[in-house]
Amino acid sequence: MIFWLGDNMASVEVKNVSGAAAGAVEFDSALLESKVTPRLLRDAYVMYETSRRQGTVKIKTKGEISGSKKKLFRQKGTGNARMGQKRTPVRVGGGNAFGKKPKDWSFRMPKKAMRVATRMALVGKLKDGEIVVVDQFKQEKPKTKEVALLLKKLSVAGKSCLFVVGDYDKTLWLSTRNIPRLSLTTAAWLNSYDLLKHRVVV
């Protein structure tokens, strides 16, 4: 929830592990006036999706199928329709006429555009009230049940959720990896794809 303060300032409510209010984080309200460009967000999303494609598909063409290139039988005099080699695409077991080959689908956007897209995605989440700030959630040992209980108390259980932490925490990673629709990332690795892929950011 966003609260508007004086002197061009706004704040976001901070919750504790019990789901109760535990303070607020202030930020410049001008951030909420930032323009969100859907086209840039789409380009960033497509860039990350295409980078995930393996592109390893391979279908043999006529020139790659095993077998002789010799004409099956002479052109005239047999009474049959004329026929060439057995590797032709019109025959069963022949090569593909336009077989797919391995391809690199990935492309890269400028770093500045990627940073702007991440900022826009954050602003969009902030405007829609889909950012939940939690104060100090620590675990001594991996416990998936504790994380599931936290999500329930924050009223985000069942939603696609992105956990953003300051530094990599192996204990927390082990606790979250078995919960459906929940992903864990660090602030340094935060990107527009993860923000757009998940409904709520914690």
Protein backbone atom coordinates (compact mmCIF):
# COMPACT_ATOMS: atom_id res chain seq x y z
CA MET A 1 0.00 0.00 0.00
CA ILE A 2 1.30 3.47 -0.95
CA PHE A 3 0.95 6.45 1.38
CA TRP A 4 1.37 9.99 0.07
CA LEU A 5 3.47 12.29 2.24
CA GLY A 6 4.41 15.95 2.00
CA ASP A 7 7.41 17.42 0.14
CA ASN A 8 6.90 15.18 -2.90
CA MET A 9 7.44 12.03 -0.88
CA ALA A 10 5.52 8.78 -0.64
CA SER A 11 5.96 5.62 1.37
CA VAL A 12 5.31 1.89 1.16
CA GLU A 13 4.14 -0.07 4.16
CA VAL A 14 6.61 -2.51 5.70
CA LYS A 15 5.27 -5.73 7.23
CA ASN A 16 6.81 -8.11 9.72
CA VAL A 17 6.82 -11.91 9.47
CA SER A 18 3.39 -11.97 11.13
CA GLY A 19 1.86 -9.83 8.40
CA ALA A 20 1.35 -6.80 10.67
CA ALA A 21 2.53 -3.28 9.85
CA ALA A 22 6.06 -2.62 11.06
CA GLY A 23 6.91 0.76 9.55
CA ALA A 24 7.29 2.34 6.13
CA VAL A 25 9.89 2.95 3.42
CA GLU A 26 9.91 6.45 1.91
CA PHE A 27 10.71 7.26 -1.71
CA ASP A 28 10.35 10.16 -4.14
CA SER A 29 6.76 10.37 -5.37
CA ALA A 30 8.06 11.50 -8.78
CA LEU A 31 8.91 7.85 -9.35
CA LEU A 32 5.21 7.08 -9.66
CA GLU A 33 4.93 9.64 -12.45
CA SER A 34 7.51 7.81 -14.56
CA LYS A 35 6.23 6.77 -17.96
CA VAL A 36 5.75 3.06 -18.57
CA THR A 37 6.27 2.03 -22.21
CA PRO A 38 4.53 -1.28 -22.97
CA ARG A 39 6.54 -1.73 -26.20
CA LEU A 40 9.87 -1.59 -24.34
CA LEU A 41 8.62 -4.06 -21.72
CA ARG A 42 7.46 -6.38 -24.48
CA ASP A 43 10.82 -6.20 -26.25
CA ALA A 44 12.64 -6.99 -23.00
CA TYR A 45 10.32 -9.92 -22.27
CA VAL A 46 10.76 -11.34 -25.78
CA MET A 47 14.54 -10.95 -25.48
CA TYR A 48 14.65 -13.08 -22.33
CA GLU A 49 12.26 -15.66 -23.79
CA THR A 50 14.20 -16.06 -27.04
CA SER A 51 17.44 -16.40 -25.07
CA ARG A 52 15.94 -19.44 -23.33
CA ARG A 53 15.23 -21.23 -26.63
CA GLN A 54 17.61 -24.10 -27.28
CA GLY A 55 17.40 -23.81 -31.05
CA THR A 56 18.81 -27.34 -31.43
CA VAL A 57 16.10 -28.70 -33.74
CA LYS A 58 17.50 -30.59 -36.74
CA ILE A 59 15.67 -32.38 -39.55
CA LYS A 60 17.53 -34.20 -42.31
CA THR A 61 17.08 -32.94 -45.85
CA LYS A 62 17.32 -34.91 -49.09
CA GLY A 63 21.09 -34.52 -49.16
CA GLU A 64 21.53 -35.89 -45.62
CA ILE A 65 19.35 -39.01 -45.72
CA SER A 66 21.30 -42.27 -46.02
CA GLY A 67 20.92 -44.18 -49.25
CA SER A 68 21.99 -44.12 -52.88
CA LYS A 69 21.48 -41.14 -55.15
CA LYS A 70 20.98 -43.46 -58.09
CA LYS A 71 17.76 -43.29 -60.10
CA LEU A 72 15.50 -46.14 -58.97
CA PHE A 73 14.75 -47.35 -62.51
CA ARG A 74 15.15 -46.08 -66.01
CA GLN A 75 13.05 -43.19 -67.24
CA LYS A 76 11.13 -44.92 -70.00
CA GLY A 77 9.98 -48.34 -70.98
CA THR A 78 8.87 -49.79 -67.62
CA GLY A 79 5.26 -48.62 -67.62
CA ASN A 80 5.75 -46.96 -64.23
CA ALA A 81 5.68 -43.28 -63.49
CA ARG A 82 9.09 -41.67 -63.77
CA MET A 83 11.00 -41.70 -60.50
CA GLY A 84 14.34 -40.36 -59.33
CA GLN A 85 16.33 -41.25 -56.22
CA LYS A 86 14.70 -42.79 -53.16
CA ARG A 87 15.82 -39.93 -50.89
CA THR A 88 13.41 -37.47 -52.50
CA PRO A 89 10.90 -35.79 -50.11
CA VAL A 90 7.89 -37.26 -51.96
CA ARG A 91 8.79 -40.81 -50.89
CA VAL A 92 8.27 -42.40 -47.48
CA GLY A 93 11.55 -42.25 -45.57
CA GLY A 94 12.89 -39.48 -47.77
CA GLY A 95 14.39 -36.23 -46.59
CA ASN A 96 12.45 -33.13 -45.61
CA ALA A 97 11.99 -30.54 -48.35
CA PHE A 98 12.72 -27.58 -46.08
CA GLY A 99 14.18 -29.20 -42.98
CA LYS A 100 14.77 -27.04 -39.92
CA LYS A 101 18.35 -26.43 -38.87
CA PRO A 102 19.93 -25.31 -35.57
CA LYS A 103 19.42 -21.60 -35.05
CA ASP A 104 20.37 -19.05 -32.44
CA TRP A 105 17.20 -17.08 -31.67
CA SER A 106 18.72 -14.83 -29.04
CA PHE A 107 19.28 -11.10 -29.43
CA ARG A 108 20.50 -8.42 -27.07
CA MET A 109 19.03 -5.06 -26.17
CA PRO A 110 21.23 -2.13 -25.15
CA LYS A 111 22.13 -2.21 -21.45
CA LYS A 112 20.48 1.16 -20.91
CA ALA A 113 17.22 -0.09 -22.42
CA MET A 114 17.35 -3.19 -20.19
CA ARG A 115 17.84 -1.03 -17.08
CA VAL A 116 14.97 1.24 -18.11
CA ALA A 117 12.73 -1.79 -18.69
CA THR A 118 13.53 -3.12 -15.21
CA ARG A 119 12.76 0.29 -13.71
CA MET A 120 9.46 0.47 -15.61
CA ALA A 121 8.46 -2.99 -14.43
CA LEU A 122 9.17 -1.98 -10.82
CA VAL A 123 7.18 1.23 -11.20
CA GLY A 124 4.27 -0.75 -12.65
CA LYS A 125 4.33 -3.16 -9.71
CA LEU A 126 4.50 -0.23 -7.30
CA LYS A 127 1.53 1.53 -8.90
CA ASP A 128 -0.55 -1.66 -8.86
CA GLY A 129 0.26 -2.33 -5.20
CA GLU A 130 1.96 -5.62 -6.02
CA ILE A 131 5.10 -5.01 -3.96
CA VAL A 132 5.22 -6.28 -0.37
CA VAL A 133 8.13 -5.18 1.83
CA VAL A 134 9.03 -7.58 4.64
CA ASP A 135 11.24 -6.65 7.59
CA GLN A 136 14.01 -9.16 8.38
CA PHE A 137 12.99 -12.70 7.52
CA LYS A 138 15.81 -15.02 8.60
CA GLN A 139 16.08 -18.80 8.87
CA GLU A 140 18.63 -20.84 10.79
CA LYS A 141 17.93 -23.96 8.74
CA PRO A 142 15.83 -24.70 5.63
CA LYS A 143 12.12 -24.91 6.43
CA THR A 144 9.65 -24.82 3.54
CA LYS A 145 6.76 -24.75 6.00
CA GLU A 146 7.97 -21.42 7.44
CA VAL A 147 8.08 -19.77 4.01
CA ALA A 148 4.63 -21.15 3.14
CA LEU A 149 3.28 -19.74 6.42
CA LEU A 150 4.88 -16.36 5.66
CA LEU A 151 3.18 -16.23 2.27
CA LYS A 152 -0.14 -17.02 3.88
CA LYS A 153 0.25 -14.26 6.48
CA LEU A 154 1.20 -11.78 3.76
CA SER A 155 -1.96 -12.77 1.82
CA VAL A 156 0.03 -13.77 -1.26
CA ALA A 157 -0.25 -17.56 -0.96
CA GLY A 158 -1.28 -19.19 -4.23
CA LYS A 159 -0.12 -16.24 -6.34
CA SER A 160 2.98 -16.26 -8.51
CA CYS A 161 5.51 -14.63 -6.22
CA LEU A 162 9.06 -13.32 -6.64
CA PHE A 163 11.25 -13.20 -3.53
CA VAL A 164 13.93 -10.50 -3.81
CA VAL A 165 16.73 -10.58 -1.22
CA GLY A 166 19.78 -8.38 -0.79
CA ASP A 167 22.34 -11.19 -0.90
CA TYR A 168 22.19 -14.83 -1.89
CA ASP A 169 20.92 -16.96 0.99
CA LYS A 170 21.30 -20.71 0.45
CA THR A 171 19.06 -21.52 3.41
CA LEU A 172 16.22 -19.43 2.00
CA TRP A 173 16.80 -20.84 -1.48
CA LEU A 174 16.44 -24.40 -0.17
CA SER A 175 13.25 -23.37 1.64
CA THR A 176 11.62 -21.79 -1.41
CA ARG A 177 12.57 -24.13 -4.26
CA ASN A 178 9.78 -26.64 -3.52
CA ILE A 179 6.95 -24.10 -3.40
CA PRO A 180 4.98 -23.83 -6.67
CA ARG A 181 4.94 -20.46 -8.47
CA LEU A 182 7.61 -19.02 -6.17
CA SER A 183 11.02 -17.83 -7.36
CA LEU A 184 13.98 -16.40 -5.47
CA THR A 185 16.44 -13.82 -6.80
CA THR A 186 18.82 -11.17 -5.51
CA ALA A 187 18.57 -7.43 -6.01
CA ALA A 188 21.67 -7.54 -8.22
CA TRP A 189 20.06 -10.10 -10.57
CA LEU A 190 16.61 -8.48 -10.65
CA ASN A 191 15.34 -7.98 -14.20
CA SER A 192 12.19 -7.02 -16.06
CA TYR A 193 11.49 -10.62 -17.13
CA ASP A 194 11.20 -11.92 -13.56
CA LEU A 195 9.11 -8.90 -12.56
CA LEU A 196 6.68 -9.39 -15.44
CA LYS A 197 6.56 -13.16 -14.97
CA HIS A 198 5.36 -12.95 -11.36
CA ARG A 199 2.26 -11.30 -9.91
CA VAL A 200 3.67 -10.21 -6.54
CA VAL A 201 7.16 -9.05 -5.51
CA VAL A 202 8.23 -9.62 -1.88
